[in-house]
Amino acid sequence: MARLKKVDAARAVALAPTKFSYTESWTNPDGFVITSGDFIKIKGKNSFGVGEWGITFKVRVFCTNIDTGKQWVDCYEMYRGRAGVMRSFPLERIKRIPKKRSKRVNRTANS
């Protein structure tokens, strides 16, 4: 009896076109650009009435459903500097964390 070889699913089936569009950056209504890898916080409460207070997230990708027009962000929950659970939130709930500025140099009157 001959053995059957397992066929790799990725090679056997051609990739079907998806109804999702992915982008690496998004401009919020305030005009700031948020890109993949930036840290964000989430404002407001979810459908269960619980908020994500104090949790920092790292942006993975911004997604759009082409059929319905819905948009959301896929991000990783950060815990002690490590990426944890991947979660998704609507774009309206994103709160940008400002990037730190470099220190200003005080000039003396003699220079």
PDB file of N, CA and C in Angstrom:
ATOM      1  N   MET A   1       0.831  -1.161   0.000  1.00  0.00           N
ATOM      2  CA  MET A   1       0.000   0.000   0.000  1.00  0.00           C
ATOM      3  C   MET A   1       0.888   1.240   0.000  1.00  0.00           C
ATOM      4  N   ALA A   2       0.641   2.165  -0.892  1.00  0.00           N
ATOM      5  CA  ALA A   2       1.454   3.368  -1.044  1.00  0.00           C
ATOM      6  C   ALA A   2       1.033   4.422  -0.019  1.00  0.00           C
ATOM      7  N   ARG A   3       2.033   5.118   0.462  1.00  0.00           N
ATOM      8  CA  ARG A   3       1.749   6.189   1.415  1.00  0.00           C
ATOM      9  C   ARG A   3       1.384   7.464   0.666  1.00  0.00           C
ATOM     10  N   LEU A   4       0.426   8.186   1.200  1.00  0.00           N
ATOM     11  CA  LEU A   4       0.040   9.464   0.617  1.00  0.00           C
ATOM     12  C   LEU A   4       0.845  10.584   1.271  1.00  0.00           C
ATOM     13  N   LYS A   5       1.346  11.480   0.443  1.00  0.00           N
ATOM     14  CA  LYS A   5       2.098  12.610   0.969  1.00  0.00           C
ATOM     15  C   LYS A   5       1.135  13.715   1.394  1.00  0.00           C
ATOM     16  N   LYS A   6       1.461  14.342   2.513  1.00  0.00           N
ATOM     17  CA  LYS A   6       0.671  15.486   2.931  1.00  0.00           C
ATOM     18  C   LYS A   6       1.072  16.684   2.077  1.00  0.00           C
ATOM     19  N   VAL A   7       0.083  17.368   1.576  1.00  0.00           N
ATOM     20  CA  VAL A   7       0.348  18.538   0.741  1.00  0.00           C
ATOM     21  C   VAL A   7       0.237  19.782   1.608  1.00  0.00           C
ATOM     22  N   ASP A   8       1.223  20.634   1.486  1.00  0.00           N
ATOM     23  CA  ASP A   8       1.197  21.882   2.231  1.00  0.00           C
ATOM     24  C   ASP A   8       0.022  22.733   1.752  1.00  0.00           C
ATOM     25  N   ALA A   9      -0.807  23.168   2.679  1.00  0.00           N
ATOM     26  CA  ALA A   9      -2.019  23.922   2.330  1.00  0.00           C
ATOM     27  C   ALA A   9      -1.686  25.232   1.643  1.00  0.00           C
ATOM     28  N   ALA A  10      -0.577  25.838   2.000  1.00  0.00           N
ATOM     29  CA  ALA A  10      -0.214  27.114   1.381  1.00  0.00           C
ATOM     30  C   ALA A  10       0.119  26.937  -0.096  1.00  0.00           C
ATOM     31  N   ARG A  11       0.700  25.803  -0.457  1.00  0.00           N
ATOM     32  CA  ARG A  11       1.032  25.571  -1.861  1.00  0.00           C
ATOM     33  C   ARG A  11      -0.151  25.022  -2.646  1.00  0.00           C
ATOM     34  N   ALA A  12      -1.029  24.292  -1.994  1.00  0.00           N
ATOM     35  CA  ALA A  12      -2.136  23.645  -2.695  1.00  0.00           C
ATOM     36  C   ALA A  12      -3.218  24.638  -3.099  1.00  0.00           C
ATOM     37  N   VAL A  13      -3.439  25.643  -2.282  1.00  0.00           N
ATOM     38  CA  VAL A  13      -4.512  26.593  -2.559  1.00  0.00           C
ATOM     39  C   VAL A  13      -3.905  27.948  -2.879  1.00  0.00           C
ATOM     40  N   ALA A  14      -4.305  28.515  -3.992  1.00  0.00           N
ATOM     41  CA  ALA A  14      -3.842  29.852  -4.346  1.00  0.00           C
ATOM     42  C   ALA A  14      -4.491  30.855  -3.390  1.00  0.00           C
ATOM     43  N   LEU A  15      -3.762  31.891  -3.062  1.00  0.00           N
ATOM     44  CA  LEU A  15      -4.297  32.883  -2.139  1.00  0.00           C
ATOM     45  C   LEU A  15      -5.460  33.622  -2.787  1.00  0.00           C
ATOM     46  N   ALA A  16      -6.580  33.590  -2.118  1.00  0.00           N
ATOM     47  CA  ALA A  16      -7.765  34.280  -2.613  1.00  0.00           C
ATOM     48  C   ALA A  16      -7.675  35.752  -2.230  1.00  0.00           C
ATOM     49  N   PRO A  17      -8.188  36.635  -3.065  1.00  0.00           N
ATOM     50  CA  PRO A  17      -8.175  38.050  -2.696  1.00  0.00           C
ATOM     51  C   PRO A  17      -9.058  38.277  -1.463  1.00  0.00           C
ATOM     52  N   THR A  18      -8.584  39.089  -0.542  1.00  0.00           N
ATOM     53  CA  THR A  18      -9.326  39.326   0.688  1.00  0.00           C
ATOM     54  C   THR A  18     -10.126  40.616   0.584  1.00  0.00           C
ATOM     55  N   LYS A  19     -11.055  40.775   1.491  1.00  0.00           N
ATOM     56  CA  LYS A  19     -11.858  41.988   1.525  1.00  0.00           C
ATOM     57  C   LYS A  19     -11.303  42.990   2.514  1.00  0.00           C
ATOM     58  N   PHE A  20     -10.067  42.781   2.960  1.00  0.00           N
ATOM     59  CA  PHE A  20      -9.446  43.676   3.918  1.00  0.00           C
ATOM     60  C   PHE A  20      -8.277  44.420   3.288  1.00  0.00           C
ATOM     61  N   SER A  21      -8.120  45.673   3.687  1.00  0.00           N
ATOM     62  CA  SER A  21      -7.010  46.499   3.241  1.00  0.00           C
ATOM     63  C   SER A  21      -6.176  46.859   4.465  1.00  0.00           C
ATOM     64  N   TYR A  22      -4.860  46.753   4.360  1.00  0.00           N
ATOM     65  CA  TYR A  22      -3.976  47.011   5.490  1.00  0.00           C
ATOM     66  C   TYR A  22      -3.048  48.174   5.156  1.00  0.00           C
ATOM     67  N   THR A  23      -2.854  49.085   6.128  1.00  0.00           N
ATOM     68  CA  THR A  23      -1.918  50.192   5.966  1.00  0.00           C
ATOM     69  C   THR A  23      -1.031  50.279   7.201  1.00  0.00           C
ATOM     70  N   GLU A  24       0.153  50.834   7.027  1.00  0.00           N
ATOM     71  CA  GLU A  24       1.122  50.941   8.107  1.00  0.00           C
ATOM     72  C   GLU A  24       0.985  52.241   8.902  1.00  0.00           C
ATOM     73  N   SER A  25       0.302  53.251   8.339  1.00  0.00           N
ATOM     74  CA  SER A  25       0.175  54.518   9.051  1.00  0.00           C
ATOM     75  C   SER A  25      -1.239  55.073   8.899  1.00  0.00           C
ATOM     76  N   TRP A  26      -1.590  55.989   9.823  1.00  0.00           N
ATOM     77  CA  TRP A  26      -2.909  56.606   9.829  1.00  0.00           C
ATOM     78  C   TRP A  26      -2.768  57.988  10.434  1.00  0.00           C
ATOM     79  N   THR A  27      -3.479  58.960   9.885  1.00  0.00           N
ATOM     80  CA  THR A  27      -3.458  60.314  10.413  1.00  0.00           C
ATOM     81  C   THR A  27      -4.723  60.529  11.236  1.00  0.00           C
ATOM     82  N   ASN A  28      -4.553  60.886  12.513  1.00  0.00           N
ATOM     83  CA  ASN A  28      -5.716  61.087  13.379  1.00  0.00           C
ATOM     84  C   ASN A  28      -6.343  62.451  13.080  1.00  0.00           C
ATOM     85  N   PRO A  29      -7.540  62.729  13.596  1.00  0.00           N
ATOM     86  CA  PRO A  29      -8.215  63.995  13.290  1.00  0.00           C
ATOM     87  C   PRO A  29      -7.434  65.242  13.713  1.00  0.00           C
ATOM     88  N   ASP A  30      -6.496  65.113  14.664  1.00  0.00           N
ATOM     89  CA  ASP A  30      -5.689  66.253  15.094  1.00  0.00           C
ATOM     90  C   ASP A  30      -4.524  66.531  14.149  1.00  0.00           C
ATOM     91  N   GLY A  31      -4.307  65.662  13.155  1.00  0.00           N
ATOM     92  CA  GLY A  31      -3.240  65.858  12.182  1.00  0.00           C
ATOM     93  C   GLY A  31      -1.948  65.127  12.499  1.00  0.00           C
ATOM     94  N   PHE A  32      -1.913  64.344  13.561  1.00  0.00           N
ATOM     95  CA  PHE A  32      -0.717  63.583  13.906  1.00  0.00           C
ATOM     96  C   PHE A  32      -0.740  62.233  13.205  1.00  0.00           C
ATOM     97  N   VAL A  33       0.422  61.819  12.704  1.00  0.00           N
ATOM     98  CA  VAL A  33       0.537  60.536  12.014  1.00  0.00           C
ATOM     99  C   VAL A  33       0.947  59.467  13.014  1.00  0.00           C
ATOM    100  N   ILE A  34       0.183  58.387  13.065  1.00  0.00           N
ATOM    101  CA  ILE A  34       0.498  57.241  13.911  1.00  0.00           C
ATOM    102  C   ILE A  34       0.908  56.106  12.989  1.00  0.00           C
ATOM    103  N   THR A  35       2.081  55.537  13.216  1.00  0.00           N
ATOM    104  CA  THR A  35       2.596  54.489  12.343  1.00  0.00           C
ATOM    105  C   THR A  35       2.736  53.182  13.109  1.00  0.00           C
ATOM    106  N   SER A  36       3.002  52.131  12.367  1.00  0.00           N
ATOM    107  CA  SER A  36       3.211  50.818  12.963  1.00  0.00           C
ATOM    108  C   SER A  36       4.421  50.880  13.890  1.00  0.00           C
ATOM    109  N   GLY A  37       4.266  50.359  15.103  1.00  0.00           N
ATOM    110  CA  GLY A  37       5.347  50.385  16.082  1.00  0.00           C
ATOM    111  C   GLY A  37       5.205  51.491  17.112  1.00  0.00           C
ATOM    112  N   ASP A  38       4.316  52.474  16.888  1.00  0.00           N
ATOM    113  CA  ASP A  38       4.085  53.539  17.862  1.00  0.00           C
ATOM    114  C   ASP A  38       3.272  53.007  19.035  1.00  0.00           C
ATOM    115  N   PHE A  39       3.424  53.669  20.174  1.00  0.00           N
ATOM    116  CA  PHE A  39       2.664  53.301  21.362  1.00  0.00           C
ATOM    117  C   PHE A  39       1.432  54.190  21.468  1.00  0.00           C
ATOM    118  N   ILE A  40       0.297  53.584  21.826  1.00  0.00           N
ATOM    119  CA  ILE A  40      -0.964  54.315  21.963  1.00  0.00           C
ATOM    120  C   ILE A  40      -1.664  53.883  23.233  1.00  0.00           C
ATOM    121  N   LYS A  41      -2.661  54.660  23.616  1.00  0.00           N
ATOM    122  CA  LYS A  41      -3.573  54.266  24.686  1.00  0.00           C
ATOM    123  C   LYS A  41      -4.976  54.263  24.098  1.00  0.00           C
ATOM    124  N   ILE A  42      -5.899  53.614  24.762  1.00  0.00           N
ATOM    125  CA  ILE A  42      -7.273  53.503  24.280  1.00  0.00           C
ATOM    126  C   ILE A  42      -8.177  54.261  25.242  1.00  0.00           C
ATOM    127  N   LYS A  43      -9.017  55.141  24.698  1.00  0.00           N
ATOM    128  CA  LYS A  43      -9.931  55.916  25.539  1.00  0.00           C
ATOM    129  C   LYS A  43     -11.336  55.338  25.454  1.00  0.00           C
ATOM    130  N   GLY A  44     -12.145  55.653  26.448  1.00  0.00           N
ATOM    131  CA  GLY A  44     -13.528  55.192  26.464  1.00  0.00           C
ATOM    132  C   GLY A  44     -13.663  53.777  26.991  1.00  0.00           C
ATOM    133  N   LYS A  45     -14.877  53.261  26.887  1.00  0.00           N
ATOM    134  CA  LYS A  45     -15.183  51.924  27.389  1.00  0.00           C
ATOM    135  C   LYS A  45     -15.616  51.020  26.243  1.00  0.00           C
ATOM    136  N   ASN A  46     -15.388  49.724  26.406  1.00  0.00           N
ATOM    137  CA  ASN A  46     -15.791  48.761  25.385  1.00  0.00           C
ATOM    138  C   ASN A  46     -17.269  48.412  25.544  1.00  0.00           C
ATOM    139  N   SER A  47     -17.753  47.459  24.779  1.00  0.00           N
ATOM    140  CA  SER A  47     -19.170  47.101  24.788  1.00  0.00           C
ATOM    141  C   SER A  47     -19.618  46.476  26.110  1.00  0.00           C
ATOM    142  N   PHE A  48     -18.671  46.009  26.910  1.00  0.00           N
ATOM    143  CA  PHE A  48     -19.015  45.418  28.205  1.00  0.00           C
ATOM    144  C   PHE A  48     -19.016  46.449  29.326  1.00  0.00           C
ATOM    145  N   GLY A  49     -18.704  47.710  29.002  1.00  0.00           N
ATOM    146  CA  GLY A  49     -18.672  48.765  30.007  1.00  0.00           C
ATOM    147  C   GLY A  49     -17.377  48.850  30.777  1.00  0.00           C
ATOM    148  N   VAL A  50     -16.347  48.178  30.295  1.00  0.00           N
ATOM    149  CA  VAL A  50     -15.049  48.170  30.966  1.00  0.00           C
ATOM    150  C   VAL A  50     -14.052  48.910  30.087  1.00  0.00           C
ATOM    151  N   GLY A  51     -13.273  49.807  30.671  1.00  0.00           N
ATOM    152  CA  GLY A  51     -12.263  50.539  29.924  1.00  0.00           C
ATOM    153  C   GLY A  51     -10.894  49.898  30.030  1.00  0.00           C
ATOM    154  N   GLU A  52      -9.993  50.282  29.153  1.00  0.00           N
ATOM    155  CA  GLU A  52      -8.610  49.786  29.171  1.00  0.00           C
ATOM    156  C   GLU A  52      -7.735  50.840  29.847  1.00  0.00           C
ATOM    157  N   TRP A  53      -8.038  51.178  31.095  1.00  0.00           N
ATOM    158  CA  TRP A  53      -7.368  52.248  31.789  1.00  0.00           C
ATOM    159  C   TRP A  53      -5.925  51.882  32.107  1.00  0.00           C
ATOM    160  N   GLY A  54      -4.999  52.744  31.696  1.00  0.00           N
ATOM    161  CA  GLY A  54      -3.601  52.576  32.045  1.00  0.00           C
ATOM    162  C   GLY A  54      -2.824  51.573  31.216  1.00  0.00           C
ATOM    163  N   ILE A  55      -3.447  50.904  30.273  1.00  0.00           N
ATOM    164  CA  ILE A  55      -2.754  49.901  29.466  1.00  0.00           C
ATOM    165  C   ILE A  55      -2.190  50.566  28.215  1.00  0.00           C
ATOM    166  N   THR A  56      -0.950  50.263  27.897  1.00  0.00           N
ATOM    167  CA  THR A  56      -0.304  50.785  26.697  1.00  0.00           C
ATOM    168  C   THR A  56      -0.344  49.706  25.621  1.00  0.00           C
ATOM    169  N   PHE A  57      -0.556  50.122  24.382  1.00  0.00           N
ATOM    170  CA  PHE A  57      -0.613  49.203  23.253  1.00  0.00           C
ATOM    171  C   PHE A  57       0.400  49.627  22.193  1.00  0.00           C
ATOM    172  N   LYS A  58       0.923  48.655  21.464  1.00  0.00           N
ATOM    173  CA  LYS A  58       1.857  48.917  20.366  1.00  0.00           C
ATOM    174  C   LYS A  58       1.146  48.597  19.055  1.00  0.00           C
ATOM    175  N   VAL A  59       1.104  49.569  18.154  1.00  0.00           N
ATOM    176  CA  VAL A  59       0.362  49.429  16.900  1.00  0.00           C
ATOM    177  C   VAL A  59       1.019  48.396  16.003  1.00  0.00           C
ATOM    178  N   ARG A  60       0.221  47.505  15.460  1.00  0.00           N
ATOM    179  CA  ARG A  60       0.691  46.530  14.477  1.00  0.00           C
ATOM    180  C   ARG A  60       0.341  46.993  13.076  1.00  0.00           C
ATOM    181  N   VAL A  61      -0.968  47.197  12.813  1.00  0.00           N
ATOM    182  CA  VAL A  61      -1.416  47.586  11.472  1.00  0.00           C
ATOM    183  C   VAL A  61      -2.813  48.204  11.569  1.00  0.00           C
ATOM    184  N   PHE A  62      -3.133  49.068  10.616  1.00  0.00           N
ATOM    185  CA  PHE A  62      -4.473  49.653  10.510  1.00  0.00           C
ATOM    186  C   PHE A  62      -5.231  48.902   9.427  1.00  0.00           C
ATOM    187  N   CYS A  63      -6.451  48.489   9.715  1.00  0.00           N
ATOM    188  CA  CYS A  63      -7.225  47.643   8.811  1.00  0.00           C
ATOM    189  C   CYS A  63      -8.502  48.340   8.375  1.00  0.00           C
ATOM    190  N   THR A  64      -8.946  48.019   7.158  1.00  0.00           N
ATOM    191  CA  THR A  64     -10.214  48.507   6.629  1.00  0.00           C
ATOM    192  C   THR A  64     -10.922  47.361   5.931  1.00  0.00           C
ATOM    193  N   ASN A  65     -12.207  47.166   6.243  1.00  0.00           N
ATOM    194  CA  ASN A  65     -13.025  46.199   5.529  1.00  0.00           C
ATOM    195  C   ASN A  65     -13.561  46.908   4.294  1.00  0.00           C
ATOM    196  N   ILE A  66     -13.172  46.473   3.119  1.00  0.00           N
ATOM    197  CA  ILE A  66     -13.531  47.147   1.874  1.00  0.00           C
ATOM    198  C   ILE A  66     -15.032  47.079   1.626  1.00  0.00           C
ATOM    199  N   ASP A  67     -15.681  45.979   2.005  1.00  0.00           N
ATOM    200  CA  ASP A  67     -17.118  45.826   1.762  1.00  0.00           C
ATOM    201  C   ASP A  67     -17.962  46.766   2.627  1.00  0.00           C
ATOM    202  N   THR A  68     -17.635  46.862   3.916  1.00  0.00           N
ATOM    203  CA  THR A  68     -18.466  47.650   4.826  1.00  0.00           C
ATOM    204  C   THR A  68     -17.908  49.032   5.140  1.00  0.00           C
ATOM    205  N   GLY A  69     -16.613  49.242   4.914  1.00  0.00           N
ATOM    206  CA  GLY A  69     -15.989  50.524   5.222  1.00  0.00           C
ATOM    207  C   GLY A  69     -15.560  50.681   6.670  1.00  0.00           C
ATOM    208  N   LYS A  70     -15.723  49.647   7.488  1.00  0.00           N
ATOM    209  CA  LYS A  70     -15.309  49.705   8.892  1.00  0.00           C
ATOM    210  C   LYS A  70     -13.789  49.757   8.983  1.00  0.00           C
ATOM    211  N   GLN A  71     -13.285  50.545   9.937  1.00  0.00           N
ATOM    212  CA  GLN A  71     -11.846  50.677  10.147  1.00  0.00           C
ATOM    213  C   GLN A  71     -11.509  50.373  11.597  1.00  0.00           C
ATOM    214  N   TRP A  72     -10.349  49.767  11.827  1.00  0.00           N
ATOM    215  CA  TRP A  72      -9.889  49.465  13.171  1.00  0.00           C
ATOM    216  C   TRP A  72      -8.383  49.345  13.180  1.00  0.00           C
ATOM    217  N   VAL A  73      -7.822  49.266  14.369  1.00  0.00           N
ATOM    218  CA  VAL A  73      -6.386  49.113  14.543  1.00  0.00           C
ATOM    219  C   VAL A  73      -6.132  47.789  15.251  1.00  0.00           C
ATOM    220  N   ASP A  74      -5.158  47.032  14.743  1.00  0.00           N
ATOM    221  CA  ASP A  74      -4.692  45.818  15.409  1.00  0.00           C
ATOM    222  C   ASP A  74      -3.447  46.198  16.191  1.00  0.00           C
ATOM    223  N   CYS A  75      -3.424  45.869  17.476  1.00  0.00           N
ATOM    224  CA  CYS A  75      -2.280  46.241  18.293  1.00  0.00           C
ATOM    225  C   CYS A  75      -2.010  45.179  19.353  1.00  0.00           C
ATOM    226  N   TYR A  76      -0.792  45.249  19.898  1.00  0.00           N
ATOM    227  CA  TYR A  76      -0.377  44.329  20.945  1.00  0.00           C
ATOM    228  C   TYR A  76      -0.462  45.034  22.290  1.00  0.00           C
ATOM    229  N   GLU A  77      -1.002  44.351  23.289  1.00  0.00           N
ATOM    230  CA  GLU A  77      -1.035  44.876  24.643  1.00  0.00           C
ATOM    231  C   GLU A  77       0.359  44.738  25.231  1.00  0.00           C
ATOM    232  N   MET A  78       0.898  45.827  25.758  1.00  0.00           N
ATOM    233  CA  MET A  78       2.257  45.807  26.301  1.00  0.00           C
ATOM    234  C   MET A  78       2.199  45.577  27.810  1.00  0.00           C
ATOM    235  N   TYR A  79       3.016  44.654  28.293  1.00  0.00           N
ATOM    236  CA  TYR A  79       3.093  44.355  29.715  1.00  0.00           C
ATOM    237  C   TYR A  79       4.555  44.204  30.094  1.00  0.00           C
ATOM    238  N   ARG A  80       5.042  45.119  30.918  1.00  0.00           N
ATOM    239  CA  ARG A  80       6.436  45.125  31.363  1.00  0.00           C
ATOM    240  C   ARG A  80       7.413  45.100  30.185  1.00  0.00           C
ATOM    241  N   GLY A  81       7.108  45.873  29.167  1.00  0.00           N
ATOM    242  CA  GLY A  81       8.015  46.000  28.022  1.00  0.00           C
ATOM    243  C   GLY A  81       7.930  44.884  27.004  1.00  0.00           C
ATOM    244  N   ARG A  82       7.024  43.953  27.190  1.00  0.00           N
ATOM    245  CA  ARG A  82       6.880  42.843  26.239  1.00  0.00           C
ATOM    246  C   ARG A  82       5.507  42.874  25.605  1.00  0.00           C
ATOM    247  N   ALA A  83       5.455  42.449  24.349  1.00  0.00           N
ATOM    248  CA  ALA A  83       4.181  42.388  23.639  1.00  0.00           C
ATOM    249  C   ALA A  83       3.392  41.186  24.139  1.00  0.00           C
ATOM    250  N   GLY A  84       2.115  41.423  24.395  1.00  0.00           N
ATOM    251  CA  GLY A  84       1.270  40.358  24.901  1.00  0.00           C
ATOM    252  C   GLY A  84       0.165  40.018  23.919  1.00  0.00           C
ATOM    253  N   VAL A  85      -1.052  40.095  24.386  1.00  0.00           N
ATOM    254  CA  VAL A  85      -2.228  39.720  23.610  1.00  0.00           C
ATOM    255  C   VAL A  85      -2.465  40.716  22.477  1.00  0.00           C
ATOM    256  N   MET A  86      -2.859  40.200  21.306  1.00  0.00           N
ATOM    257  CA  MET A  86      -3.218  41.094  20.204  1.00  0.00           C
ATOM    258  C   MET A  86      -4.693  41.448  20.321  1.00  0.00           C
ATOM    259  N   ARG A  87      -5.002  42.751  20.223  1.00  0.00           N
ATOM    260  CA  ARG A  87      -6.374  43.220  20.337  1.00  0.00           C
ATOM    261  C   ARG A  87      -6.676  44.200  19.224  1.00  0.00           C
ATOM    262  N   SER A  88      -7.960  44.425  18.977  1.00  0.00           N
ATOM    263  CA  SER A  88      -8.408  45.336  17.928  1.00  0.00           C
ATOM    264  C   SER A  88      -9.356  46.367  18.522  1.00  0.00           C
ATOM    265  N   PHE A  89      -9.226  47.618  18.048  1.00  0.00           N
ATOM    266  CA  PHE A  89     -10.066  48.706  18.523  1.00  0.00           C
ATOM    267  C   PHE A  89     -10.468  49.590  17.352  1.00  0.00           C
ATOM    268  N   PRO A  90     -11.653  50.233  17.437  1.00  0.00           N
ATOM    269  CA  PRO A  90     -12.023  51.192  16.391  1.00  0.00           C
ATOM    270  C   PRO A  90     -11.107  52.422  16.464  1.00  0.00           C
ATOM    271  N   LEU A  91     -10.922  53.083  15.323  1.00  0.00           N
ATOM    272  CA  LEU A  91      -9.997  54.207  15.255  1.00  0.00           C
ATOM    273  C   LEU A  91     -10.426  55.382  16.133  1.00  0.00           C
ATOM    274  N   GLU A  92     -11.719  55.503  16.424  1.00  0.00           N
ATOM    275  CA  GLU A  92     -12.194  56.626  17.234  1.00  0.00           C
ATOM    276  C   GLU A  92     -11.682  56.562  18.668  1.00  0.00           C
ATOM    277  N   ARG A  93     -11.259  55.394  19.125  1.00  0.00           N
ATOM    278  CA  ARG A  93     -10.832  55.216  20.515  1.00  0.00           C
ATOM    279  C   ARG A  93      -9.333  55.378  20.723  1.00  0.00           C
ATOM    280  N   ILE A  94      -8.584  55.667  19.667  1.00  0.00           N
ATOM    281  CA  ILE A  94      -7.130  55.785  19.789  1.00  0.00           C
ATOM    282  C   ILE A  94      -6.765  57.106  20.446  1.00  0.00           C
ATOM    283  N   LYS A  95      -5.877  57.028  21.431  1.00  0.00           N
ATOM    284  CA  LYS A  95      -5.323  58.211  22.071  1.00  0.00           C
ATOM    285  C   LYS A  95      -3.815  58.155  21.879  1.00  0.00           C
ATOM    286  N   ARG A  96      -3.282  59.135  21.210  1.00  0.00           N
ATOM    287  CA  ARG A  96      -1.853  59.164  20.901  1.00  0.00           C
ATOM    288  C   ARG A  96      -1.050  59.491  22.147  1.00  0.00           C
ATOM    289  N   ILE A  97       0.075  58.815  22.321  1.00  0.00           N
ATOM    290  CA  ILE A  97       1.007  59.146  23.386  1.00  0.00           C
ATOM    291  C   ILE A  97       2.061  60.051  22.774  1.00  0.00           C
ATOM    292  N   PRO A  98       2.212  61.277  23.283  1.00  0.00           N
ATOM    293  CA  PRO A  98       3.196  62.203  22.684  1.00  0.00           C
ATOM    294  C   PRO A  98       4.611  61.651  22.789  1.00  0.00           C
ATOM    295  N   LYS A  99       5.399  61.895  21.754  1.00  0.00           N
ATOM    296  CA  LYS A  99       6.796  61.465  21.768  1.00  0.00           C
ATOM    297  C   LYS A  99       7.608  62.471  22.568  1.00  0.00           C
ATOM    298  N   LYS A 100       8.620  61.973  23.265  1.00  0.00           N
ATOM    299  CA  LYS A 100       9.437  62.839  24.097  1.00  0.00           C
ATOM    300  C   LYS A 100      10.295  63.755  23.238  1.00  0.00           C
ATOM    301  N   ARG A 101      10.359  65.011  23.647  1.00  0.00           N
ATOM    302  CA  ARG A 101      11.183  65.990  22.933  1.00  0.00           C
ATOM    303  C   ARG A 101      12.580  66.011  23.528  1.00  0.00           C
ATOM    304  N   SER A 102      13.531  66.468  22.734  1.00  0.00           N
ATOM    305  CA  SER A 102      14.882  66.601  23.258  1.00  0.00           C
ATOM    306  C   SER A 102      14.934  67.809  24.190  1.00  0.00           C
ATOM    307  N   LYS A 103      15.860  67.799  25.125  1.00  0.00           N
ATOM    308  CA  LYS A 103      15.969  68.881  26.089  1.00  0.00           C
ATOM    309  C   LYS A 103      16.486  70.144  25.412  1.00  0.00           C
ATOM    310  N   ARG A 104      15.956  71.270  25.850  1.00  0.00           N
ATOM    311  CA  ARG A 104      16.417  72.553  25.337  1.00  0.00           C
ATOM    312  C   ARG A 104      17.686  72.960  26.054  1.00  0.00           C
ATOM    313  N   VAL A 105      18.596  73.575  25.330  1.00  0.00           N
ATOM    314  CA  VAL A 105      19.831  74.043  25.915  1.00  0.00           C
ATOM    315  C   VAL A 105      19.645  75.502  26.299  1.00  0.00           C
ATOM    316  N   ASN A 106      19.876  75.808  27.578  1.00  0.00           N
ATOM    317  CA  ASN A 106      19.783  77.190  28.025  1.00  0.00           C
ATOM    318  C   ASN A 106      21.071  77.926  27.667  1.00  0.00           C
ATOM    319  N   ARG A 107      20.913  79.074  27.064  1.00  0.00           N
ATOM    320  CA  ARG A 107      22.082  79.852  26.667  1.00  0.00           C
ATOM    321  C   ARG A 107      22.341  80.917  27.726  1.00  0.00           C
ATOM    322  N   THR A 108      23.614  81.143  27.993  1.00  0.00           N
ATOM    323  CA  THR A 108      23.964  82.183  28.952  1.00  0.00           C
ATOM    324  C   THR A 108      24.070  83.517  28.238  1.00  0.00           C
ATOM    325  N   ALA A 109      24.090  84.585  28.985  1.00  0.00           N
ATOM    326  CA  ALA A 109      24.149  85.934  28.414  1.00  0.00           C
ATOM    327  C   ALA A 109      25.485  86.232  27.773  1.00  0.00           C
ATOM    328  N   ASN A 110      26.553  85.560  28.192  1.00  0.00           N
ATOM    329  CA  ASN A 110      27.890  85.846  27.681  1.00  0.00           C
ATOM    330  C   ASN A 110      28.212  85.118  26.387  1.00  0.00           C
ATOM    331  N   SER A 111      27.437  84.150  25.953  1.00  0.00           N
ATOM    332  CA  SER A 111      27.817  83.407  24.772  1.00  0.00           C
ATOM    333  C   SER A 111      27.189  83.881  23.536  1.00  0.00           C
TER     334      SER A 111
END
